[in-house]
PDB file of N, CA and C in Angstrom:
ATOM      1  N   MET A   1     -37.561 -79.411  28.423  1.00  0.00           N
ATOM      2  CA  MET A   1     -37.819 -79.244  28.762  1.00  0.00           C
ATOM      3  C   MET A   1     -37.916 -78.806  29.989  1.00  0.00           C
ATOM      4  N   LYS A   2     -38.346 -77.221  30.184  1.00  0.00           N
ATOM      5  CA  LYS A   2     -37.759 -75.879  31.011  1.00  0.00           C
ATOM      6  C   LYS A   2     -38.474 -76.790  32.716  1.00  0.00           C
ATOM      7  N   ASN A   3     -36.513 -76.411  33.925  1.00  0.00           N
ATOM      8  CA  ASN A   3     -36.739 -76.122  35.155  1.00  0.00           C
ATOM      9  C   ASN A   3     -38.242 -76.198  35.381  1.00  0.00           C
ATOM     10  N   THR A   4     -39.141 -76.217  36.277  1.00  0.00           N
ATOM     11  CA  THR A   4     -40.260 -75.181  37.046  1.00  0.00           C
ATOM     12  C   THR A   4     -40.098 -75.142  38.928  1.00  0.00           C
ATOM     13  N   GLU A   5     -39.628 -76.159  38.514  1.00  0.00           N
ATOM     14  CA  GLU A   5     -38.978 -76.163  40.291  1.00  0.00           C
ATOM     15  C   GLU A   5     -38.503 -74.461  40.507  1.00  0.00           C
ATOM     16  N   SER A   6     -39.030 -73.893  41.497  1.00  0.00           N
ATOM     17  CA  SER A   6     -38.386 -72.621  41.862  1.00  0.00           C
ATOM     18  C   SER A   6     -37.138 -72.313  42.709  1.00  0.00           C
ATOM     19  N   LYS A   7     -37.194 -71.292  42.702  1.00  0.00           N
ATOM     20  CA  LYS A   7     -35.036 -71.369  42.871  1.00  0.00           C
ATOM     21  C   LYS A   7     -35.427 -71.037  43.687  1.00  0.00           C
ATOM     22  N   GLU A   8     -33.879 -71.005  45.061  1.00  0.00           N
ATOM     23  CA  GLU A   8     -34.270 -70.716  46.560  1.00  0.00           C
ATOM     24  C   GLU A   8     -33.655 -69.011  46.438  1.00  0.00           C
ATOM     25  N   PRO A   9     -34.097 -68.583  47.494  1.00  0.00           N
ATOM     26  CA  PRO A   9     -33.385 -67.456  47.468  1.00  0.00           C
ATOM     27  C   PRO A   9     -32.901 -67.175  47.804  1.00  0.00           C
ATOM     28  N   GLN A  10     -31.714 -66.409  47.234  1.00  0.00           N
ATOM     29  CA  GLN A  10     -29.830 -66.459  47.584  1.00  0.00           C
ATOM     30  C   GLN A  10     -30.117 -64.723  48.686  1.00  0.00           C
ATOM     31  N   ASN A  11     -31.050 -64.388  48.613  1.00  0.00           N
ATOM     32  CA  ASN A  11     -31.076 -62.742  49.546  1.00  0.00           C
ATOM     33  C   ASN A  11     -32.230 -62.399  50.406  1.00  0.00           C
ATOM     34  N   CYS A  12     -32.757 -62.563  51.608  1.00  0.00           N
ATOM     35  CA  CYS A  12     -33.125 -61.774  52.659  1.00  0.00           C
ATOM     36  C   CYS A  12     -34.553 -60.911  52.145  1.00  0.00           C
ATOM     37  N   TRP A  13     -33.898 -60.357  51.261  1.00  0.00           N
ATOM     38  CA  TRP A  13     -35.507 -59.325  50.377  1.00  0.00           C
ATOM     39  C   TRP A  13     -36.440 -59.849  49.157  1.00  0.00           C
ATOM     40  N   GLU A  14     -35.158 -61.204  48.912  1.00  0.00           N
ATOM     41  CA  GLU A  14     -36.033 -62.266  48.680  1.00  0.00           C
ATOM     42  C   GLU A  14     -36.846 -63.299  49.334  1.00  0.00           C
ATOM     43  N   PHE A  15     -36.599 -63.376  50.611  1.00  0.00           N
ATOM     44  CA  PHE A  15     -36.839 -64.715  50.837  1.00  0.00           C
ATOM     45  C   PHE A  15     -37.947 -64.187  51.739  1.00  0.00           C
ATOM     46  N   LYS A  16     -38.185 -63.346  51.643  1.00  0.00           N
ATOM     47  CA  LYS A  16     -39.176 -61.573  52.835  1.00  0.00           C
ATOM     48  C   LYS A  16     -39.317 -60.762  51.485  1.00  0.00           C
ATOM     49  N   ASN A  17     -40.420 -61.224  50.426  1.00  0.00           N
ATOM     50  CA  ASN A  17     -40.681 -60.441  49.416  1.00  0.00           C
ATOM     51  C   ASN A  17     -40.440 -59.458  49.687  1.00  0.00           C
ATOM     52  N   CYS A  18     -39.599 -58.517  49.649  1.00  0.00           N
ATOM     53  CA  CYS A  18     -40.179 -57.361  49.814  1.00  0.00           C
ATOM     54  C   CYS A  18     -39.627 -56.258  49.049  1.00  0.00           C
ATOM     55  N   PRO A  19     -40.894 -55.169  49.075  1.00  0.00           N
ATOM     56  CA  PRO A  19     -41.323 -54.765  47.720  1.00  0.00           C
ATOM     57  C   PRO A  19     -39.997 -53.886  47.811  1.00  0.00           C
ATOM     58  N   VAL A  20     -39.426 -53.019  46.113  1.00  0.00           N
ATOM     59  CA  VAL A  20     -38.685 -52.303  46.198  1.00  0.00           C
ATOM     60  C   VAL A  20     -38.572 -50.925  46.448  1.00  0.00           C
ATOM     61  N   ALA A  21     -39.540 -50.178  47.279  1.00  0.00           N
ATOM     62  CA  ALA A  21     -39.210 -48.827  48.125  1.00  0.00           C
ATOM     63  C   ALA A  21     -38.991 -49.702  49.064  1.00  0.00           C
ATOM     64  N   ILE A  22     -39.015 -50.824  49.594  1.00  0.00           N
ATOM     65  CA  ILE A  22     -38.088 -50.927  50.851  1.00  0.00           C
ATOM     66  C   ILE A  22     -36.962 -51.464  50.706  1.00  0.00           C
ATOM     67  N   ARG A  23     -36.604 -52.600  49.566  1.00  0.00           N
ATOM     68  CA  ARG A  23     -35.170 -52.889  49.247  1.00  0.00           C
ATOM     69  C   ARG A  23     -34.979 -51.715  48.984  1.00  0.00           C
ATOM     70  N   ASN A  24     -34.963 -49.866  48.323  1.00  0.00           N
ATOM     71  CA  ASN A  24     -33.989 -48.977  48.042  1.00  0.00           C
ATOM     72  C   ASN A  24     -33.861 -49.421  49.037  1.00  0.00           C
ATOM     73  N   GLY A  25     -34.244 -48.466  50.479  1.00  0.00           N
ATOM     74  CA  GLY A  25     -33.919 -48.193  51.483  1.00  0.00           C
ATOM     75  C   GLY A  25     -33.602 -49.160  52.436  1.00  0.00           C
ATOM     76  N   CYS A  26     -33.131 -50.174  52.023  1.00  0.00           N
ATOM     77  CA  CYS A  26     -32.438 -51.289  53.043  1.00  0.00           C
ATOM     78  C   CYS A  26     -30.964 -51.560  53.010  1.00  0.00           C
ATOM     79  N   PRO A  27     -29.584 -50.534  53.949  1.00  0.00           N
ATOM     80  CA  PRO A  27     -28.211 -50.885  54.120  1.00  0.00           C
ATOM     81  C   PRO A  27     -27.917 -52.203  53.424  1.00  0.00           C
ATOM     82  N   ALA A  28     -28.536 -53.756  53.990  1.00  0.00           N
ATOM     83  CA  ALA A  28     -28.205 -55.352  53.500  1.00  0.00           C
ATOM     84  C   ALA A  28     -28.260 -54.641  51.798  1.00  0.00           C
ATOM     85  N   TYR A  29     -29.162 -54.213  51.249  1.00  0.00           N
ATOM     86  CA  TYR A  29     -29.126 -54.398  50.211  1.00  0.00           C
ATOM     87  C   TYR A  29     -28.280 -53.130  49.380  1.00  0.00           C
ATOM     88  N   LYS A  30     -28.230 -52.232  49.455  1.00  0.00           N
ATOM     89  CA  LYS A  30     -27.469 -51.458  48.994  1.00  0.00           C
ATOM     90  C   LYS A  30     -25.864 -51.433  49.815  1.00  0.00           C
ATOM     91  N   ASN A  31     -26.173 -52.765  50.163  1.00  0.00           N
ATOM     92  CA  ASN A  31     -24.654 -52.853  50.282  1.00  0.00           C
ATOM     93  C   ASN A  31     -24.538 -55.048  49.961  1.00  0.00           C
ATOM     94  N   ASN A  32     -25.304 -55.000  49.220  1.00  0.00           N
ATOM     95  CA  ASN A  32     -25.320 -56.657  48.526  1.00  0.00           C
ATOM     96  C   ASN A  32     -25.347 -57.536  49.338  1.00  0.00           C
ATOM     97  N   MET A  33     -25.462 -56.890  50.896  1.00  0.00           N
ATOM     98  CA  MET A  33     -25.245 -58.321  52.273  1.00  0.00           C
ATOM     99  C   MET A  33     -26.584 -58.669  52.181  1.00  0.00           C
ATOM    100  N   GLY A  34     -27.383 -59.390  51.408  1.00  0.00           N
ATOM    101  CA  GLY A  34     -28.936 -60.341  51.760  1.00  0.00           C
ATOM    102  C   GLY A  34     -28.391 -61.797  52.052  1.00  0.00           C
ATOM    103  N   GLY A  35     -27.332 -62.207  51.635  1.00  0.00           N
ATOM    104  CA  GLY A  35     -27.043 -62.845  52.220  1.00  0.00           C
ATOM    105  C   GLY A  35     -26.931 -63.268  54.040  1.00  0.00           C
ATOM    106  N   GLU A  36     -26.527 -61.845  54.971  1.00  0.00           N
ATOM    107  CA  GLU A  36     -25.651 -62.163  56.183  1.00  0.00           C
ATOM    108  C   GLU A  36     -26.207 -60.975  56.399  1.00  0.00           C
ATOM    109  N   CYS A  37     -27.726 -60.225  55.826  1.00  0.00           N
ATOM    110  CA  CYS A  37     -27.916 -58.637  56.405  1.00  0.00           C
ATOM    111  C   CYS A  37     -27.540 -58.663  57.735  1.00  0.00           C
ATOM    112  N   TRP A  38     -27.579 -59.835  59.025  1.00  0.00           N
ATOM    113  CA  TRP A  38     -28.140 -59.539  59.938  1.00  0.00           C
ATOM    114  C   TRP A  38     -26.324 -58.876  60.682  1.00  0.00           C
ATOM    115  N   LEU A  39     -25.388 -58.652  60.111  1.00  0.00           N
ATOM    116  CA  LEU A  39     -24.233 -58.504  60.092  1.00  0.00           C
ATOM    117  C   LEU A  39     -24.027 -56.515  59.516  1.00  0.00           C
ATOM    118  N   VAL A  40     -25.140 -56.575  58.946  1.00  0.00           N
ATOM    119  CA  VAL A  40     -24.508 -55.141  58.310  1.00  0.00           C
ATOM    120  C   VAL A  40     -24.885 -53.483  59.316  1.00  0.00           C
ATOM    121  N   ALA A  41     -24.522 -52.858  59.509  1.00  0.00           N
ATOM    122  CA  ALA A  41     -24.709 -52.072  60.413  1.00  0.00           C
ATOM    123  C   ALA A  41     -25.727 -51.330  60.102  1.00  0.00           C
ATOM    124  N   GLY A  42     -27.318 -50.384  60.831  1.00  0.00           N
ATOM    125  CA  GLY A  42     -28.775 -50.426  60.482  1.00  0.00           C
ATOM    126  C   GLY A  42     -29.286 -50.542  59.596  1.00  0.00           C
ATOM    127  N   ASN A  43     -29.281 -52.666  59.911  1.00  0.00           N
ATOM    128  CA  ASN A  43     -30.224 -53.004  58.976  1.00  0.00           C
ATOM    129  C   ASN A  43     -31.353 -53.368  60.846  1.00  0.00           C
ATOM    130  N   HIS A  44     -30.784 -53.666  61.474  1.00  0.00           N
ATOM    131  CA  HIS A  44     -31.692 -53.346  62.253  1.00  0.00           C
ATOM    132  C   HIS A  44     -32.536 -52.441  62.932  1.00  0.00           C
ATOM    133  N   ALA A  45     -32.252 -52.908  64.347  1.00  0.00           N
ATOM    134  CA  ALA A  45     -33.016 -51.513  65.210  1.00  0.00           C
ATOM    135  C   ALA A  45     -33.924 -51.266  64.578  1.00  0.00           C
ATOM    136  N   GLY A  46     -34.860 -51.444  63.732  1.00  0.00           N
ATOM    137  CA  GLY A  46     -35.875 -50.647  63.138  1.00  0.00           C
ATOM    138  C   GLY A  46     -35.815 -49.551  61.882  1.00  0.00           C
ATOM    139  N   GLN A  47     -34.158 -49.558  61.760  1.00  0.00           N
ATOM    140  CA  GLN A  47     -33.636 -48.832  60.777  1.00  0.00           C
ATOM    141  C   GLN A  47     -33.331 -49.290  59.564  1.00  0.00           C
ATOM    142  N   GLY A  48     -33.781 -50.225  58.770  1.00  0.00           N
ATOM    143  CA  GLY A  48     -33.912 -50.990  57.319  1.00  0.00           C
ATOM    144  C   GLY A  48     -34.594 -51.934  57.469  1.00  0.00           C
ATOM    145  N   CYS A  49     -34.663 -53.247  58.375  1.00  0.00           N
ATOM    146  CA  CYS A  49     -35.352 -54.006  58.087  1.00  0.00           C
ATOM    147  C   CYS A  49     -36.563 -53.817  59.021  1.00  0.00           C
ATOM    148  N   PRO A  50     -37.376 -54.125  57.718  1.00  0.00           N
ATOM    149  CA  PRO A  50     -39.204 -54.043  58.542  1.00  0.00           C
ATOM    150  C   PRO A  50     -39.657 -55.373  58.900  1.00  0.00           C
ATOM    151  N   ASP A  51     -39.077 -56.255  59.510  1.00  0.00           N
ATOM    152  CA  ASP A  51     -39.274 -57.236  60.822  1.00  0.00           C
ATOM    153  C   ASP A  51     -39.074 -56.821  61.540  1.00  0.00           C
ATOM    154  N   ALA A  52     -37.130 -56.369  61.757  1.00  0.00           N
ATOM    155  CA  ALA A  52     -37.156 -55.849  63.072  1.00  0.00           C
ATOM    156  C   ALA A  52     -38.429 -54.368  63.700  1.00  0.00           C
ATOM    157  N   LYS A  53     -37.868 -53.029  62.983  1.00  0.00           N
ATOM    158  CA  LYS A  53     -38.722 -52.051  61.906  1.00  0.00           C
ATOM    159  C   LYS A  53     -40.448 -52.695  63.202  1.00  0.00           C
ATOM    160  N   GLU A  54     -40.878 -53.479  61.905  1.00  0.00           N
ATOM    161  CA  GLU A  54     -42.445 -53.859  62.334  1.00  0.00           C
ATOM    162  C   GLU A  54     -42.522 -54.437  64.513  1.00  0.00           C
ATOM    163  N   LYS A  55     -41.772 -55.838  64.807  1.00  0.00           N
ATOM    164  CA  LYS A  55     -41.468 -55.832  65.949  1.00  0.00           C
ATOM    165  C   LYS A  55     -41.043 -55.367  67.037  1.00  0.00           C
ATOM    166  N   GLY A  56     -40.549 -54.346  67.105  1.00  0.00           N
ATOM    167  CA  GLY A  56     -40.239 -53.546  67.534  1.00  0.00           C
ATOM    168  C   GLY A  56     -38.890 -53.838  68.521  1.00  0.00           C
ATOM    169  N   LEU A  57     -38.184 -54.912  67.661  1.00  0.00           N
ATOM    170  CA  LEU A  57     -36.905 -55.539  67.666  1.00  0.00           C
ATOM    171  C   LEU A  57     -35.304 -54.448  67.618  1.00  0.00           C
ATOM    172  N   PRO A  58     -34.652 -54.865  69.468  1.00  0.00           N
ATOM    173  CA  PRO A  58     -33.630 -53.883  68.605  1.00  0.00           C
ATOM    174  C   PRO A  58     -32.906 -55.130  68.294  1.00  0.00           C
ATOM    175  N   PHE A  59     -32.591 -56.209  68.327  1.00  0.00           N
ATOM    176  CA  PHE A  59     -31.861 -56.620  66.754  1.00  0.00           C
ATOM    177  C   PHE A  59     -32.806 -57.892  66.078  1.00  0.00           C
ATOM    178  N   CYS A  60     -32.322 -58.351  65.319  1.00  0.00           N
ATOM    179  CA  CYS A  60     -32.948 -58.515  64.100  1.00  0.00           C
ATOM    180  C   CYS A  60     -33.140 -60.019  64.156  1.00  0.00           C
ATOM    181  N   VAL A  61     -31.944 -61.423  64.789  1.00  0.00           N
ATOM    182  CA  VAL A  61     -31.528 -62.244  64.934  1.00  0.00           C
ATOM    183  C   VAL A  61     -32.640 -63.067  65.621  1.00  0.00           C
ATOM    184  N   LYS A  62     -32.513 -63.237  66.319  1.00  0.00           N
ATOM    185  CA  LYS A  62     -33.261 -64.506  67.588  1.00  0.00           C
ATOM    186  C   LYS A  62     -34.664 -64.871  66.300  1.00  0.00           C
ATOM    187  N   GLU A  63     -34.951 -63.559  66.335  1.00  0.00           N
ATOM    188  CA  GLU A  63     -36.661 -63.588  65.748  1.00  0.00           C
ATOM    189  C   GLU A  63     -37.010 -64.294  64.025  1.00  0.00           C
ATOM    190  N   CYS A  64     -35.342 -63.643  63.726  1.00  0.00           N
ATOM    191  CA  CYS A  64     -35.637 -63.500  61.453  1.00  0.00           C
ATOM    192  C   CYS A  64     -35.737 -65.213  61.747  1.00  0.00           C
ATOM    193  N   LEU A  65     -36.683 -64.837  60.755  1.00  0.00           N
ATOM    194  CA  LEU A  65     -36.645 -66.775  59.377  1.00  0.00           C
ATOM    195  C   LEU A  65     -35.916 -66.563  58.593  1.00  0.00           C
ATOM    196  N   TRP A  66     -35.688 -65.957  57.950  1.00  0.00           N
ATOM    197  CA  TRP A  66     -33.937 -65.971  57.574  1.00  0.00           C
ATOM    198  C   TRP A  66     -32.572 -66.295  58.457  1.00  0.00           C
ATOM    199  N   TYR A  67     -32.639 -65.765  59.386  1.00  0.00           N
ATOM    200  CA  TYR A  67     -31.602 -65.952  60.225  1.00  0.00           C
ATOM    201  C   TYR A  67     -31.488 -67.241  60.563  1.00  0.00           C
ATOM    202  N   ARG A  68     -32.310 -67.187  60.695  1.00  0.00           N
ATOM    203  CA  ARG A  68     -32.791 -68.725  61.189  1.00  0.00           C
ATOM    204  C   ARG A  68     -32.929 -70.032  60.266  1.00  0.00           C
ATOM    205  N   LYS A  69     -33.144 -69.897  59.359  1.00  0.00           N
ATOM    206  CA  LYS A  69     -32.952 -70.907  58.104  1.00  0.00           C
ATOM    207  C   LYS A  69     -31.218 -70.649  57.911  1.00  0.00           C
ATOM    208  N   LEU A  70     -31.018 -70.099  57.907  1.00  0.00           N
ATOM    209  CA  LEU A  70     -29.598 -70.085  57.673  1.00  0.00           C
ATOM    210  C   LEU A  70     -27.894 -70.435  58.837  1.00  0.00           C
ATOM    211  N   ASN A  71     -28.735 -70.749  59.508  1.00  0.00           N
ATOM    212  CA  ASN A  71     -28.126 -70.724  60.568  1.00  0.00           C
ATOM    213  C   ASN A  71     -28.877 -71.175  61.818  1.00  0.00           C
ATOM    214  N   PRO A  72     -28.702 -72.614  61.726  1.00  0.00           N
ATOM    215  CA  PRO A  72     -30.872 -73.657  62.220  1.00  0.00           C
ATOM    216  C   PRO A  72     -29.409 -73.557  63.420  1.00  0.00           C
TER     217      PRO A  72
END
């Protein structure tokens, strides 16, 4: 019998369901750092992270659900 459980996301782009166009421009994706995207230079301050850009945040970590999930 197949396991039908959904797999937990391992990267921010999976968690946020980022489209390929966003992923390709994302510094965390380019550096395979989706588990710790907040450590990647250029990924916040509206340069790489769509959440930071959308909310006009200089740093994404305080508002990011992915960060808070991994750092409760």
